[in-house]
């Protein structure tokens, strides 16, 4: 079923999902996004969305499916969310799908690894805290662009980098560990030493546990490439031609400053005891920690939207 609802009066597609957890215990409650990041890989045609990316798909039976899945599991584990669609898009204010699912994760004693770019996550600090008190909660925040004016071009409809930094500090003060995704880095746009040092300084002050950075670059493939180039023409005249001349239709688009920037990144992380190996960060995100027996709450009655 489709109808108009929520931020920007976008079309909302309500679907009944067949399942909610992947083989790696990840979930996405939404498909599509209204954050407008110009580089988003989730726009790629390989994900086979049959509607505009901003017309968000809502898995209305996700809470029910999640409760069923957790009830069947023999062993507790970390539940991940946010890899493909941000759990705190604008519609979350209205629908509260993420908050409902966090309650279920808490009540069944599972851990949480959640990823977002939005300060809306602080609305659920009570649930994040209670999950971490009994098991483990790790919040992953994406940082790409230190300059606030540039951030508003690259990531126009989501919390600014400064606002995300403030989120990291609040989580630090609550004892909730954080991981930063330092990507993507856009060649000729934010691939500067100034940008990198600014973001790393934020990470140091916020005492993040680790930083995931595969390289100083980005990926482009059918679907997100066309949208990205459209936005380059809109905001950075002549930049699309520069990309085409250097990278053609490559999937991996690596900054010419990659080696120097990666040396800076590794050096700063080592000096401040921040995990900088992606595999080590992923292992930490997957590692469940049981902090002792807790009395389990009764299963939630999860109302489904009509």
C-alpha atoms as a PDB file:
ATOM      1  CA  UNK A   1       0.000   0.000   0.000  1.00  0.00           C
ATOM      2  CA  UNK A   2       1.261   3.500  -0.842  1.00  0.00           C
ATOM      3  CA  UNK A   3       0.176   6.879   0.467  1.00  0.00           C
ATOM      4  CA  UNK A   4       1.464  10.322   1.326  1.00  0.00           C
ATOM      5  CA  UNK A   5       2.885  10.747   4.786  1.00  0.00           C
ATOM      6  CA  UNK A   6       5.564  12.437   6.781  1.00  0.00           C
ATOM      7  CA  UNK A   7       8.522  14.663   5.981  1.00  0.00           C
ATOM      8  CA  UNK A   8       8.396  16.345   2.586  1.00  0.00           C
ATOM      9  CA  UNK A   9       5.055  14.666   1.776  1.00  0.00           C
ATOM     10  CA  UNK A  10       6.914  11.780   0.128  1.00  0.00           C
ATOM     11  CA  UNK A  11       5.101   8.664  -1.013  1.00  0.00           C
ATOM     12  CA  UNK A  12       5.359   5.930   1.614  1.00  0.00           C
ATOM     13  CA  UNK A  13       5.267   2.305   0.553  1.00  0.00           C
ATOM     14  CA  UNK A  14       3.972   0.020   3.300  1.00  0.00           C
ATOM     15  CA  UNK A  15       5.028  -3.593   2.822  1.00  0.00           C
ATOM     16  CA  UNK A  16       4.649  -6.847   4.717  1.00  0.00           C
ATOM     17  CA  UNK A  17       8.157  -8.291   4.921  1.00  0.00           C
ATOM     18  CA  UNK A  18       8.724 -12.053   4.848  1.00  0.00           C
ATOM     19  CA  UNK A  19      11.666 -11.842   7.229  1.00  0.00           C
ATOM     20  CA  UNK A  20      13.622  -9.190   9.091  1.00  0.00           C
ATOM     21  CA  UNK A  21      17.025 -10.572  10.194  1.00  0.00           C
ATOM     22  CA  UNK A  22      19.797 -11.419   7.751  1.00  0.00           C
ATOM     23  CA  UNK A  23      22.130 -14.382   8.201  1.00  0.00           C
ATOM     24  CA  UNK A  24      24.483 -11.970  10.018  1.00  0.00           C
ATOM     25  CA  UNK A  25      21.646 -10.727  12.291  1.00  0.00           C
ATOM     26  CA  UNK A  26      21.321  -7.371  10.559  1.00  0.00           C
ATOM     27  CA  UNK A  27      18.009  -5.691   9.798  1.00  0.00           C
ATOM     28  CA  UNK A  28      16.698  -2.743   7.841  1.00  0.00           C
ATOM     29  CA  UNK A  29      13.331  -1.358   8.876  1.00  0.00           C
ATOM     30  CA  UNK A  30      13.186   1.072   5.961  1.00  0.00           C
ATOM     31  CA  UNK A  31      14.308   1.048   2.334  1.00  0.00           C
ATOM     32  CA  UNK A  32      15.129   4.397   0.791  1.00  0.00           C
ATOM     33  CA  UNK A  33      16.076   7.592   2.574  1.00  0.00           C
ATOM     34  CA  UNK A  34      15.302  11.311   2.774  1.00  0.00           C
ATOM     35  CA  UNK A  35      18.732  12.470   3.975  1.00  0.00           C
ATOM     36  CA  UNK A  36      19.789  13.374   0.439  1.00  0.00           C
ATOM     37  CA  UNK A  37      23.492  12.472   0.681  1.00  0.00           C
ATOM     38  CA  UNK A  38      24.858  12.991  -2.813  1.00  0.00           C
ATOM     39  CA  UNK A  39      27.119   9.906  -2.760  1.00  0.00           C
ATOM     40  CA  UNK A  40      24.765   7.256  -1.339  1.00  0.00           C
ATOM     41  CA  UNK A  41      25.546   3.737  -2.597  1.00  0.00           C
ATOM     42  CA  UNK A  42      22.072   2.541  -1.558  1.00  0.00           C
ATOM     43  CA  UNK A  43      20.724   4.337  -4.639  1.00  0.00           C
ATOM     44  CA  UNK A  44      22.479   1.771  -6.837  1.00  0.00           C
ATOM     45  CA  UNK A  45      20.217  -0.138  -9.206  1.00  0.00           C
ATOM     46  CA  UNK A  46      21.633  -3.473  -7.995  1.00  0.00           C
ATOM     47  CA  UNK A  47      19.420  -3.166  -4.912  1.00  0.00           C
ATOM     48  CA  UNK A  48      16.352  -3.347  -7.186  1.00  0.00           C
ATOM     49  CA  UNK A  49      14.173  -0.673  -5.652  1.00  0.00           C
ATOM     50  CA  UNK A  50      11.107  -0.261  -7.835  1.00  0.00           C
ATOM     51  CA  UNK A  51      10.306   3.275  -6.698  1.00  0.00           C
ATOM     52  CA  UNK A  52      12.095   6.594  -6.162  1.00  0.00           C
ATOM     53  CA  UNK A  53      14.763   6.430  -3.488  1.00  0.00           C
ATOM     54  CA  UNK A  54      13.130   9.232  -1.457  1.00  0.00           C
ATOM     55  CA  UNK A  55       9.797   7.378  -1.444  1.00  0.00           C
ATOM     56  CA  UNK A  56      10.585   5.266   1.568  1.00  0.00           C
ATOM     57  CA  UNK A  57       9.503   1.655   1.945  1.00  0.00           C
ATOM     58  CA  UNK A  58       8.362   0.779   5.474  1.00  0.00           C
ATOM     59  CA  UNK A  59       8.357  -2.817   6.688  1.00  0.00           C
ATOM     60  CA  UNK A  60       5.282  -2.417   8.861  1.00  0.00           C
ATOM     61  CA  UNK A  61       5.455  -5.911  10.347  1.00  0.00           C
ATOM     62  CA  UNK A  62       9.155  -5.626  11.274  1.00  0.00           C
ATOM     63  CA  UNK A  63       8.577  -5.470  15.070  1.00  0.00           C
ATOM     64  CA  UNK A  64       6.444  -8.605  14.983  1.00  0.00           C
ATOM     65  CA  UNK A  65       9.008 -10.450  12.853  1.00  0.00           C
ATOM     66  CA  UNK A  66      11.867  -9.307  15.081  1.00  0.00           C
ATOM     67  CA  UNK A  67      10.160 -10.545  18.236  1.00  0.00           C
ATOM     68  CA  UNK A  68       9.473 -13.906  16.620  1.00  0.00           C
ATOM     69  CA  UNK A  69      13.092 -14.197  15.461  1.00  0.00           C
ATOM     70  CA  UNK A  70      14.597 -13.307  18.844  1.00  0.00           C
ATOM     71  CA  UNK A  71      12.266 -15.667  20.673  1.00  0.00           C
ATOM     72  CA  UNK A  72      13.519 -18.558  18.493  1.00  0.00           C
ATOM     73  CA  UNK A  73      17.228 -17.861  18.918  1.00  0.00           C
ATOM     74  CA  UNK A  74      19.100 -20.231  21.238  1.00  0.00           C
ATOM     75  CA  UNK A  75      22.002 -17.850  21.872  1.00  0.00           C
ATOM     76  CA  UNK A  76      22.084 -14.126  22.430  1.00  0.00           C
ATOM     77  CA  UNK A  77      23.966 -12.046  19.854  1.00  0.00           C
ATOM     78  CA  UNK A  78      24.395  -8.531  18.511  1.00  0.00           C
ATOM     79  CA  UNK A  79      21.581  -7.210  16.315  1.00  0.00           C
ATOM     80  CA  UNK A  80      22.710  -4.732  13.684  1.00  0.00           C
ATOM     81  CA  UNK A  81      20.770  -2.034  11.880  1.00  0.00           C
ATOM     82  CA  UNK A  82      21.518   0.951   9.656  1.00  0.00           C
ATOM     83  CA  UNK A  83      23.793  -0.603   7.041  1.00  0.00           C
ATOM     84  CA  UNK A  84      21.508   0.064   4.065  1.00  0.00           C
ATOM     85  CA  UNK A  85      18.963   2.562   5.341  1.00  0.00           C
ATOM     86  CA  UNK A  86      19.393   4.966   8.230  1.00  0.00           C
ATOM     87  CA  UNK A  87      17.127   3.941  11.146  1.00  0.00           C
ATOM     88  CA  UNK A  88      16.619   7.601  12.026  1.00  0.00           C
ATOM     89  CA  UNK A  89      15.286   9.045   8.790  1.00  0.00           C
ATOM     90  CA  UNK A  90      12.706  11.801   9.121  1.00  0.00           C
ATOM     91  CA  UNK A  91       9.785   9.362   9.174  1.00  0.00           C
ATOM     92  CA  UNK A  92      11.113   7.736  12.335  1.00  0.00           C
ATOM     93  CA  UNK A  93       9.850  10.745  14.300  1.00  0.00           C
ATOM     94  CA  UNK A  94       6.333   9.768  13.246  1.00  0.00           C
ATOM     95  CA  UNK A  95       6.442   5.991  12.939  1.00  0.00           C
ATOM     96  CA  UNK A  96       8.883   5.103  15.760  1.00  0.00           C
ATOM     97  CA  UNK A  97       9.689   1.763  14.144  1.00  0.00           C
ATOM     98  CA  UNK A  98      13.276   1.915  15.361  1.00  0.00           C
ATOM     99  CA  UNK A  99      12.282   2.729  18.930  1.00  0.00           C
ATOM    100  CA  UNK A 100       9.796  -0.152  18.995  1.00  0.00           C
ATOM    101  CA  UNK A 101      12.456  -2.583  17.781  1.00  0.00           C
ATOM    102  CA  UNK A 102      15.004  -1.295  20.305  1.00  0.00           C
ATOM    103  CA  UNK A 103      12.532  -2.096  23.074  1.00  0.00           C
ATOM    104  CA  UNK A 104      12.214  -5.643  21.773  1.00  0.00           C
ATOM    105  CA  UNK A 105      15.995  -6.052  21.600  1.00  0.00           C
ATOM    106  CA  UNK A 106      16.272  -4.792  25.179  1.00  0.00           C
ATOM    107  CA  UNK A 107      13.462  -6.962  26.509  1.00  0.00           C
ATOM    108  CA  UNK A 108      14.928 -10.123  25.013  1.00  0.00           C
ATOM    109  CA  UNK A 109      18.432  -9.346  26.299  1.00  0.00           C
ATOM    110  CA  UNK A 110      20.217  -9.000  22.955  1.00  0.00           C
ATOM    111  CA  UNK A 111      22.976  -6.561  22.037  1.00  0.00           C
ATOM    112  CA  UNK A 112      22.795  -3.755  19.495  1.00  0.00           C
ATOM    113  CA  UNK A 113      25.121  -2.334  16.836  1.00  0.00           C
ATOM    114  CA  UNK A 114      23.298   0.612  15.280  1.00  0.00           C
ATOM    115  CA  UNK A 115      24.525   2.992  12.569  1.00  0.00           C
ATOM    116  CA  UNK A 116      23.212   6.492  11.776  1.00  0.00           C
ATOM    117  CA  UNK A 117      24.058  10.037  10.705  1.00  0.00           C
ATOM    118  CA  UNK A 118      21.231  11.569  12.685  1.00  0.00           C
ATOM    119  CA  UNK A 119      21.090  13.247  16.090  1.00  0.00           C
ATOM    120  CA  UNK A 120      17.589  11.775  16.388  1.00  0.00           C
ATOM    121  CA  UNK A 121      19.265   8.760  17.961  1.00  0.00           C
ATOM    122  CA  UNK A 122      19.500  10.713  21.223  1.00  0.00           C
ATOM    123  CA  UNK A 123      15.728  10.419  21.530  1.00  0.00           C
ATOM    124  CA  UNK A 124      16.388   6.756  22.362  1.00  0.00           C
ATOM    125  CA  UNK A 125      19.308   7.249  24.745  1.00  0.00           C
ATOM    126  CA  UNK A 126      17.276   5.545  27.501  1.00  0.00           C
ATOM    127  CA  UNK A 127      16.967   2.348  25.466  1.00  0.00           C
ATOM    128  CA  UNK A 128      20.564   2.450  24.270  1.00  0.00           C
ATOM    129  CA  UNK A 129      21.685   2.786  27.877  1.00  0.00           C
ATOM    130  CA  UNK A 130      19.526  -0.068  29.148  1.00  0.00           C
ATOM    131  CA  UNK A 131      20.665  -2.366  26.311  1.00  0.00           C
ATOM    132  CA  UNK A 132      24.290  -1.565  27.139  1.00  0.00           C
ATOM    133  CA  UNK A 133      23.718  -2.086  30.861  1.00  0.00           C
ATOM    134  CA  UNK A 134      22.580  -5.673  30.357  1.00  0.00           C
ATOM    135  CA  UNK A 135      24.499  -6.636  27.208  1.00  0.00           C
ATOM    136  CA  UNK A 136      26.311  -4.345  24.789  1.00  0.00           C
ATOM    137  CA  UNK A 137      25.322  -1.390  22.649  1.00  0.00           C
ATOM    138  CA  UNK A 138      27.645   0.166  20.087  1.00  0.00           C
ATOM    139  CA  UNK A 139      26.616   3.256  18.123  1.00  0.00           C
ATOM    140  CA  UNK A 140      28.222   3.871  14.748  1.00  0.00           C
ATOM    141  CA  UNK A 141      28.240   7.433  13.417  1.00  0.00           C
ATOM    142  CA  UNK A 142      29.309   8.418   9.901  1.00  0.00           C
ATOM    143  CA  UNK A 143      31.565  11.471   9.534  1.00  0.00           C
ATOM    144  CA  UNK A 144      32.723  12.683   6.126  1.00  0.00           C
ATOM    145  CA  UNK A 145      33.033  16.463   5.987  1.00  0.00           C
ATOM    146  CA  UNK A 146      34.427  18.748   8.685  1.00  0.00           C
ATOM    147  CA  UNK A 147      33.478  22.015   6.967  1.00  0.00           C
ATOM    148  CA  UNK A 148      29.852  22.724   7.878  1.00  0.00           C
ATOM    149  CA  UNK A 149      29.012  24.615   4.680  1.00  0.00           C
ATOM    150  CA  UNK A 150      30.392  21.811   2.539  1.00  0.00           C
ATOM    151  CA  UNK A 151      28.612  19.245   4.697  1.00  0.00           C
ATOM    152  CA  UNK A 152      25.285  20.924   3.905  1.00  0.00           C
ATOM    153  CA  UNK A 153      25.964  20.378   0.201  1.00  0.00           C
ATOM    154  CA  UNK A 154      27.214  16.809   0.472  1.00  0.00           C
ATOM    155  CA  UNK A 155      24.708  15.669   3.142  1.00  0.00           C
ATOM    156  CA  UNK A 156      21.902  18.241   2.894  1.00  0.00           C
ATOM    157  CA  UNK A 157      18.991  16.865   4.944  1.00  0.00           C
ATOM    158  CA  UNK A 158      20.691  15.218   7.907  1.00  0.00           C
ATOM    159  CA  UNK A 159      22.418  16.354  11.099  1.00  0.00           C
ATOM    160  CA  UNK A 160      25.531  18.400  10.478  1.00  0.00           C
ATOM    161  CA  UNK A 161      28.966  17.050  11.316  1.00  0.00           C
ATOM    162  CA  UNK A 162      29.090  19.279  14.392  1.00  0.00           C
ATOM    163  CA  UNK A 163      25.744  17.900  15.567  1.00  0.00           C
ATOM    164  CA  UNK A 164      26.989  14.339  15.093  1.00  0.00           C
ATOM    165  CA  UNK A 165      30.089  15.221  17.091  1.00  0.00           C
ATOM    166  CA  UNK A 166      27.830  16.389  19.919  1.00  0.00           C
ATOM    167  CA  UNK A 167      26.007  13.027  19.723  1.00  0.00           C
ATOM    168  CA  UNK A 168      29.319  11.205  20.072  1.00  0.00           C
ATOM    169  CA  UNK A 169      30.128  13.208  23.202  1.00  0.00           C
ATOM    170  CA  UNK A 170      26.730  12.489  24.774  1.00  0.00           C
ATOM    171  CA  UNK A 171      27.231   8.774  24.127  1.00  0.00           C
ATOM    172  CA  UNK A 172      30.733   9.016  25.599  1.00  0.00           C
ATOM    173  CA  UNK A 173      29.333  10.604  28.745  1.00  0.00           C
ATOM    174  CA  UNK A 174      26.779   7.781  29.036  1.00  0.00           C
ATOM    175  CA  UNK A 175      29.487   5.138  28.708  1.00  0.00           C
ATOM    176  CA  UNK A 176      28.153   3.860  25.385  1.00  0.00           C
ATOM    177  CA  UNK A 177      30.999   2.891  23.005  1.00  0.00           C
ATOM    178  CA  UNK A 178      31.119   4.393  19.526  1.00  0.00           C
ATOM    179  CA  UNK A 179      32.621   3.553  16.161  1.00  0.00           C
ATOM    180  CA  UNK A 180      33.018   6.197  13.434  1.00  0.00           C
ATOM    181  CA  UNK A 181      32.721   5.445   9.728  1.00  0.00           C
ATOM    182  CA  UNK A 182      35.173   7.844   8.062  1.00  0.00           C
ATOM    183  CA  UNK A 183      33.780   7.509   4.572  1.00  0.00           C
ATOM    184  CA  UNK A 184      33.277   8.321   1.853  1.00  0.00           C
ATOM    185  CA  UNK A 185      36.040  10.765   1.109  1.00  0.00           C
ATOM    186  CA  UNK A 186      35.217  12.488  -2.193  1.00  0.00           C
ATOM    187  CA  UNK A 187      38.216  13.147  -4.452  1.00  0.00           C
ATOM    188  CA  UNK A 188      38.863  16.853  -5.102  1.00  0.00           C
ATOM    189  CA  UNK A 189      36.055  17.801  -2.678  1.00  0.00           C
ATOM    190  CA  UNK A 190      36.816  16.747   0.904  1.00  0.00           C
ATOM    191  CA  UNK A 191      40.071  14.797   0.438  1.00  0.00           C
ATOM    192  CA  UNK A 192      42.188  17.366   2.280  1.00  0.00           C
ATOM    193  CA  UNK A 193      44.474  17.176   5.295  1.00  0.00           C
ATOM    194  CA  UNK A 194      42.419  19.896   6.952  1.00  0.00           C
ATOM    195  CA  UNK A 195      39.237  17.846   6.588  1.00  0.00           C
ATOM    196  CA  UNK A 196      40.896  14.691   7.881  1.00  0.00           C
ATOM    197  CA  UNK A 197      42.516  16.358  10.897  1.00  0.00           C
ATOM    198  CA  UNK A 198      39.241  18.086  11.788  1.00  0.00           C
ATOM    199  CA  UNK A 199      37.315  14.808  11.795  1.00  0.00           C
ATOM    200  CA  UNK A 200      40.049  12.967  13.679  1.00  0.00           C
ATOM    201  CA  UNK A 201      40.150  15.690  16.318  1.00  0.00           C
ATOM    202  CA  UNK A 202      36.416  15.143  16.852  1.00  0.00           C
ATOM    203  CA  UNK A 203      37.007  11.402  17.208  1.00  0.00           C
ATOM    204  CA  UNK A 204      39.792  11.938  19.739  1.00  0.00           C
ATOM    205  CA  UNK A 205      37.731  14.302  21.892  1.00  0.00           C
ATOM    206  CA  UNK A 206      34.711  12.005  21.752  1.00  0.00           C
ATOM    207  CA  UNK A 207      36.903   9.033  22.749  1.00  0.00           C
ATOM    208  CA  UNK A 208      35.593   6.790  19.983  1.00  0.00           C
ATOM    209  CA  UNK A 209      36.550   3.118  20.239  1.00  0.00           C
ATOM    210  CA  UNK A 210      37.439   2.724  16.569  1.00  0.00           C
ATOM    211  CA  UNK A 211      37.291   4.262  13.091  1.00  0.00           C
ATOM    212  CA  UNK A 212      36.378   2.347   9.944  1.00  0.00           C
ATOM    213  CA  UNK A 213      38.132   3.718   6.869  1.00  0.00           C
ATOM    214  CA  UNK A 214      38.791   1.394   3.937  1.00  0.00           C
ATOM    215  CA  UNK A 215      40.554   4.018   1.831  1.00  0.00           C
ATOM    216  CA  UNK A 216      40.461   7.704   1.001  1.00  0.00           C
ATOM    217  CA  UNK A 217      37.868   7.512  -1.719  1.00  0.00           C
ATOM    218  CA  UNK A 218      34.385   6.388  -2.622  1.00  0.00           C
ATOM    219  CA  UNK A 219      32.499   3.888  -4.772  1.00  0.00           C
ATOM    220  CA  UNK A 220      30.357   4.606  -7.808  1.00  0.00           C
ATOM    221  CA  UNK A 221      28.116   2.248  -9.729  1.00  0.00           C
ATOM    222  CA  UNK A 222      24.971   2.405 -11.826  1.00  0.00           C
ATOM    223  CA  UNK A 223      22.268   4.363 -10.064  1.00  0.00           C
ATOM    224  CA  UNK A 224      24.330   6.249  -7.520  1.00  0.00           C
ATOM    225  CA  UNK A 225      26.890   7.367 -10.151  1.00  0.00           C
ATOM    226  CA  UNK A 226      24.263   9.210 -12.197  1.00  0.00           C
ATOM    227  CA  UNK A 227      22.788  10.916  -9.141  1.00  0.00           C
ATOM    228  CA  UNK A 228      26.245  11.897  -7.852  1.00  0.00           C
ATOM    229  CA  UNK A 229      27.230  13.406 -11.212  1.00  0.00           C
ATOM    230  CA  UNK A 230      23.943  15.306 -11.357  1.00  0.00           C
ATOM    231  CA  UNK A 231      24.763  16.854  -7.983  1.00  0.00           C
ATOM    232  CA  UNK A 232      28.327  17.624  -9.068  1.00  0.00           C
ATOM    233  CA  UNK A 233      26.949  19.592 -12.014  1.00  0.00           C
ATOM    234  CA  UNK A 234      24.596  21.411  -9.630  1.00  0.00           C
ATOM    235  CA  UNK A 235      27.113  22.314  -6.928  1.00  0.00           C
ATOM    236  CA  UNK A 236      30.612  21.864  -8.402  1.00  0.00           C
ATOM    237  CA  UNK A 237      30.593  22.934 -12.077  1.00  0.00           C
ATOM    238  CA  UNK A 238      33.246  21.122 -14.102  1.00  0.00           C
ATOM    239  CA  UNK A 239      33.863  18.484 -11.423  1.00  0.00           C
ATOM    240  CA  UNK A 240      31.974  15.724 -13.254  1.00  0.00           C
ATOM    241  CA  UNK A 241      34.307  16.064 -16.228  1.00  0.00           C
ATOM    242  CA  UNK A 242      37.277  15.848 -13.873  1.00  0.00           C
ATOM    243  CA  UNK A 243      35.914  12.595 -12.424  1.00  0.00           C
ATOM    244  CA  UNK A 244      35.169  11.134 -15.856  1.00  0.00           C
ATOM    245  CA  UNK A 245      38.617  12.046 -17.123  1.00  0.00           C
ATOM    246  CA  UNK A 246      40.411  10.412 -14.205  1.00  0.00           C
ATOM    247  CA  UNK A 247      38.133   7.504 -13.238  1.00  0.00           C
ATOM    248  CA  UNK A 248      35.872   6.753 -16.209  1.00  0.00           C
ATOM    249  CA  UNK A 249      33.278   4.243 -14.986  1.00  0.00           C
ATOM    250  CA  UNK A 250      35.394   2.627 -12.264  1.00  0.00           C
ATOM    251  CA  UNK A 251      33.704   1.261  -9.160  1.00  0.00           C
ATOM    252  CA  UNK A 252      36.527   2.231  -6.786  1.00  0.00           C
ATOM    253  CA  UNK A 253      37.231   5.958  -6.973  1.00  0.00           C
ATOM    254  CA  UNK A 254      40.343   6.612  -4.895  1.00  0.00           C
ATOM    255  CA  UNK A 255      41.754  10.046  -4.083  1.00  0.00           C
ATOM    256  CA  UNK A 256      45.150  10.895  -5.580  1.00  0.00           C
ATOM    257  CA  UNK A 257      46.062  11.870  -2.000  1.00  0.00           C
ATOM    258  CA  UNK A 258      45.131   8.412  -0.684  1.00  0.00           C
ATOM    259  CA  UNK A 259      48.556   7.276   0.526  1.00  0.00           C
ATOM    260  CA  UNK A 260      49.416  10.479   2.369  1.00  0.00           C
ATOM    261  CA  UNK A 261      45.993  10.765   3.994  1.00  0.00           C
ATOM    262  CA  UNK A 262      46.022   7.112   5.068  1.00  0.00           C
ATOM    263  CA  UNK A 263      49.430   7.595   6.705  1.00  0.00           C
ATOM    264  CA  UNK A 264      48.015  10.520   8.682  1.00  0.00           C
ATOM    265  CA  UNK A 265      44.953   8.469   9.611  1.00  0.00           C
ATOM    266  CA  UNK A 266      46.971   5.463  10.829  1.00  0.00           C
ATOM    267  CA  UNK A 267      49.442   7.621  12.733  1.00  0.00           C
ATOM    268  CA  UNK A 268      46.776   9.606  14.594  1.00  0.00           C
ATOM    269  CA  UNK A 269      44.800   6.472  15.488  1.00  0.00           C
ATOM    270  CA  UNK A 270      47.896   4.681  16.797  1.00  0.00           C
ATOM    271  CA  UNK A 271      48.959   7.655  18.885  1.00  0.00           C
ATOM    272  CA  UNK A 272      45.521   7.844  20.510  1.00  0.00           C
ATOM    273  CA  UNK A 273      44.848   4.087  20.852  1.00  0.00           C
ATOM    274  CA  UNK A 274      41.911   4.127  18.440  1.00  0.00           C
ATOM    275  CA  UNK A 275      41.190   0.928  16.497  1.00  0.00           C
ATOM    276  CA  UNK A 276      41.929   1.653  12.843  1.00  0.00           C
ATOM    277  CA  UNK A 277      41.685  -1.839  11.358  1.00  0.00           C
ATOM    278  CA  UNK A 278      38.263  -2.415   9.791  1.00  0.00           C
ATOM    279  CA  UNK A 279      38.309  -6.159  10.509  1.00  0.00           C
ATOM    280  CA  UNK A 280      39.078  -5.479  14.160  1.00  0.00           C
ATOM    281  CA  UNK A 281      36.224  -2.974  14.325  1.00  0.00           C
ATOM    282  CA  UNK A 282      33.789  -5.433  12.736  1.00  0.00           C
ATOM    283  CA  UNK A 283      34.861  -8.170  15.160  1.00  0.00           C
ATOM    284  CA  UNK A 284      34.146  -5.781  18.041  1.00  0.00           C
ATOM    285  CA  UNK A 285      30.720  -4.928  16.604  1.00  0.00           C
ATOM    286  CA  UNK A 286      29.817  -8.626  16.330  1.00  0.00           C
ATOM    287  CA  UNK A 287      31.068  -9.632  19.796  1.00  0.00           C
ATOM    288  CA  UNK A 288      28.165 -10.063  22.209  1.00  0.00           C
ATOM    289  CA  UNK A 289      28.779  -9.396  25.896  1.00  0.00           C
ATOM    290  CA  UNK A 290      26.477 -10.807  28.557  1.00  0.00           C
ATOM    291  CA  UNK A 291      26.795  -8.686  31.693  1.00  0.00           C
ATOM    292  CA  UNK A 292      24.960 -11.078  33.952  1.00  0.00           C
ATOM    293  CA  UNK A 293      21.491 -12.555  34.451  1.00  0.00           C
ATOM    294  CA  UNK A 294      18.632 -10.147  34.130  1.00  0.00           C
ATOM    295  CA  UNK A 295      14.937 -10.715  34.703  1.00  0.00           C
ATOM    296  CA  UNK A 296      13.368 -10.797  31.270  1.00  0.00           C
ATOM    297  CA  UNK A 297      10.455  -8.488  30.630  1.00  0.00           C
ATOM    298  CA  UNK A 298       7.248  -9.839  29.199  1.00  0.00           C
ATOM    299  CA  UNK A 299       7.137  -9.811  25.387  1.00  0.00           C
ATOM    300  CA  UNK A 300       5.773  -6.607  23.959  1.00  0.00           C
ATOM    301  CA  UNK A 301       2.390  -6.305  22.406  1.00  0.00           C
ATOM    302  CA  UNK A 302       3.429  -4.697  19.128  1.00  0.00           C
ATOM    303  CA  UNK A 303       0.595  -2.793  17.443  1.00  0.00           C
ATOM    304  CA  UNK A 304       0.730  -2.798  13.676  1.00  0.00           C
ATOM    305  CA  UNK A 305      -0.264   0.325  11.794  1.00  0.00           C
ATOM    306  CA  UNK A 306      -3.442   0.102   9.813  1.00  0.00           C
END
